[in-house]
């Protein structure tokens, strides 16, 4: 599937009078993790207590009851290059936004020293 498609909201279509969602997939451009997501944005409709700090690919936690409203944040777009990356530490780094590891390393000097130390431990 084209990665452009993975960054769009799920489309809805009518099937026998019922609204159904076409499945959309999040795909990390570093590790190729591919998984169905339920929402992309800041305020998942199934999570009313929180607002995310950045637009993220979100899925309902498949291991808990829907009533608990727990989610898994799958990933986000790199704030520098816009690549779609998962939250695995080998693929992305979060500091006031998600960076792919390549972009984080390329602008390492702009981060505080303690953050630079953490980044230096990541091998790409």
Protein backbone atom coordinates (compact mmCIF):
# COMPACT_ATOMS: atom_id res chain seq x y z
CA UNK A 1 0.00 0.00 0.00
CA UNK A 2 1.23 3.49 -0.79
CA UNK A 3 2.41 5.35 2.32
CA UNK A 4 0.44 8.44 1.28
CA UNK A 5 -2.73 6.42 1.82
CA UNK A 6 -1.60 5.45 5.32
CA UNK A 7 -1.60 9.11 6.39
CA UNK A 8 -5.27 9.76 5.60
CA UNK A 9 -8.33 9.35 7.79
CA UNK A 10 -10.26 6.10 7.32
CA UNK A 11 -12.91 6.49 4.61
CA UNK A 12 -16.49 5.58 5.42
CA UNK A 13 -18.84 3.84 3.04
CA UNK A 14 -22.40 2.62 3.19
CA UNK A 15 -23.02 -1.13 3.14
CA UNK A 16 -26.64 -2.27 3.41
CA UNK A 17 -27.61 0.96 5.16
CA UNK A 18 -24.82 0.69 7.73
CA UNK A 19 -21.75 2.89 7.84
CA UNK A 20 -18.56 0.87 7.78
CA UNK A 21 -14.95 2.02 7.78
CA UNK A 22 -12.48 0.95 5.14
CA UNK A 23 -9.33 -0.23 6.87
CA UNK A 24 -6.35 2.11 6.77
CA UNK A 25 -2.88 1.00 7.66
CA UNK A 26 -0.03 2.76 9.39
CA UNK A 27 3.36 1.77 7.96
CA UNK A 28 6.68 2.81 9.50
CA UNK A 29 9.08 3.96 6.79
CA UNK A 30 12.07 2.72 8.82
CA UNK A 31 11.16 -0.78 9.99
CA UNK A 32 8.13 -1.46 7.76
CA UNK A 33 5.84 -2.20 10.71
CA UNK A 34 2.38 -2.27 9.17
CA UNK A 35 -0.73 -2.27 11.33
CA UNK A 36 -4.33 -1.12 11.07
CA UNK A 37 -5.01 2.15 12.85
CA UNK A 38 -8.27 3.61 14.11
CA UNK A 39 -7.53 7.34 14.08
CA UNK A 40 -5.01 9.96 12.96
CA UNK A 41 -4.96 13.34 14.67
CA UNK A 42 -4.92 15.04 18.07
CA UNK A 43 -8.26 14.08 19.63
CA UNK A 44 -9.36 10.47 19.13
CA UNK A 45 -13.16 10.35 19.46
CA UNK A 46 -12.90 7.25 21.64
CA UNK A 47 -10.54 9.01 24.10
CA UNK A 48 -12.35 11.94 25.67
CA UNK A 49 -10.10 12.80 28.63
CA UNK A 50 -6.93 13.59 26.72
CA UNK A 51 -5.59 15.58 23.79
CA UNK A 52 -2.40 14.32 22.15
CA UNK A 53 0.62 16.64 21.88
CA UNK A 54 1.06 15.91 18.19
CA UNK A 55 -0.93 14.35 15.38
CA UNK A 56 -0.47 10.64 15.83
CA UNK A 57 -1.59 7.31 14.42
CA UNK A 58 -3.70 5.68 17.13
CA UNK A 59 -5.39 2.35 17.62
CA UNK A 60 -7.72 1.19 20.35
CA UNK A 61 -5.83 -1.11 22.71
CA UNK A 62 -6.83 -4.63 21.59
CA UNK A 63 -5.85 -6.07 24.99
CA UNK A 64 -8.29 -4.03 27.11
CA UNK A 65 -12.01 -3.41 27.24
CA UNK A 66 -13.30 -0.71 24.91
CA UNK A 67 -14.94 0.92 27.94
CA UNK A 68 -11.52 1.64 29.48
CA UNK A 69 -10.65 3.92 26.58
CA UNK A 70 -7.02 2.85 26.44
CA UNK A 71 -5.05 3.43 23.26
CA UNK A 72 -1.79 2.54 21.59
CA UNK A 73 0.08 5.35 19.86
CA UNK A 74 1.63 3.67 16.84
CA UNK A 75 3.63 6.56 15.45
CA UNK A 76 3.69 10.00 13.89
CA UNK A 77 5.25 11.94 11.04
CA UNK A 78 8.79 13.24 11.55
CA UNK A 79 8.64 16.99 12.16
CA UNK A 80 11.66 17.54 9.89
CA UNK A 81 11.30 15.22 6.87
CA UNK A 82 7.63 14.13 7.32
CA UNK A 83 8.50 10.40 7.15
CA UNK A 84 5.97 8.19 8.86
CA UNK A 85 7.76 6.47 11.78
CA UNK A 86 6.70 4.20 14.62
CA UNK A 87 7.48 4.83 18.28
CA UNK A 88 10.18 2.15 18.46
CA UNK A 89 13.36 3.83 19.78
CA UNK A 90 15.30 2.51 16.78
CA UNK A 91 12.91 4.33 14.43
CA UNK A 92 12.01 7.59 16.14
CA UNK A 93 12.95 9.97 18.91
CA UNK A 94 10.57 12.32 20.72
CA UNK A 95 11.69 15.76 21.87
CA UNK A 96 8.98 18.42 21.50
CA UNK A 97 7.80 16.37 18.52
CA UNK A 98 8.66 13.12 16.79
CA UNK A 99 11.87 12.93 14.76
CA UNK A 100 12.92 9.98 12.67
CA UNK A 101 16.27 8.78 14.01
CA UNK A 102 18.13 10.06 10.93
CA UNK A 103 16.78 13.61 11.36
CA UNK A 104 17.35 13.54 15.12
CA UNK A 105 21.00 12.60 14.58
CA UNK A 106 21.42 15.21 11.82
CA UNK A 107 20.39 18.04 14.16
CA UNK A 108 21.84 16.56 17.36
CA UNK A 109 23.68 19.77 18.30
CA UNK A 110 20.36 21.62 18.66
CA UNK A 111 19.28 19.35 21.53
CA UNK A 112 20.26 19.74 25.22
CA UNK A 113 23.34 17.75 26.29
CA UNK A 114 21.39 15.06 28.16
CA UNK A 115 19.27 14.48 25.04
CA UNK A 116 22.40 14.35 22.87
CA UNK A 117 23.78 11.62 25.14
CA UNK A 118 20.63 9.53 24.64
CA UNK A 119 20.76 10.05 20.88
CA UNK A 120 24.41 9.00 20.73
CA UNK A 121 23.41 5.60 22.14
CA UNK A 122 21.08 4.93 19.20
CA UNK A 123 22.73 3.12 16.32
CA UNK A 124 21.28 3.64 12.85
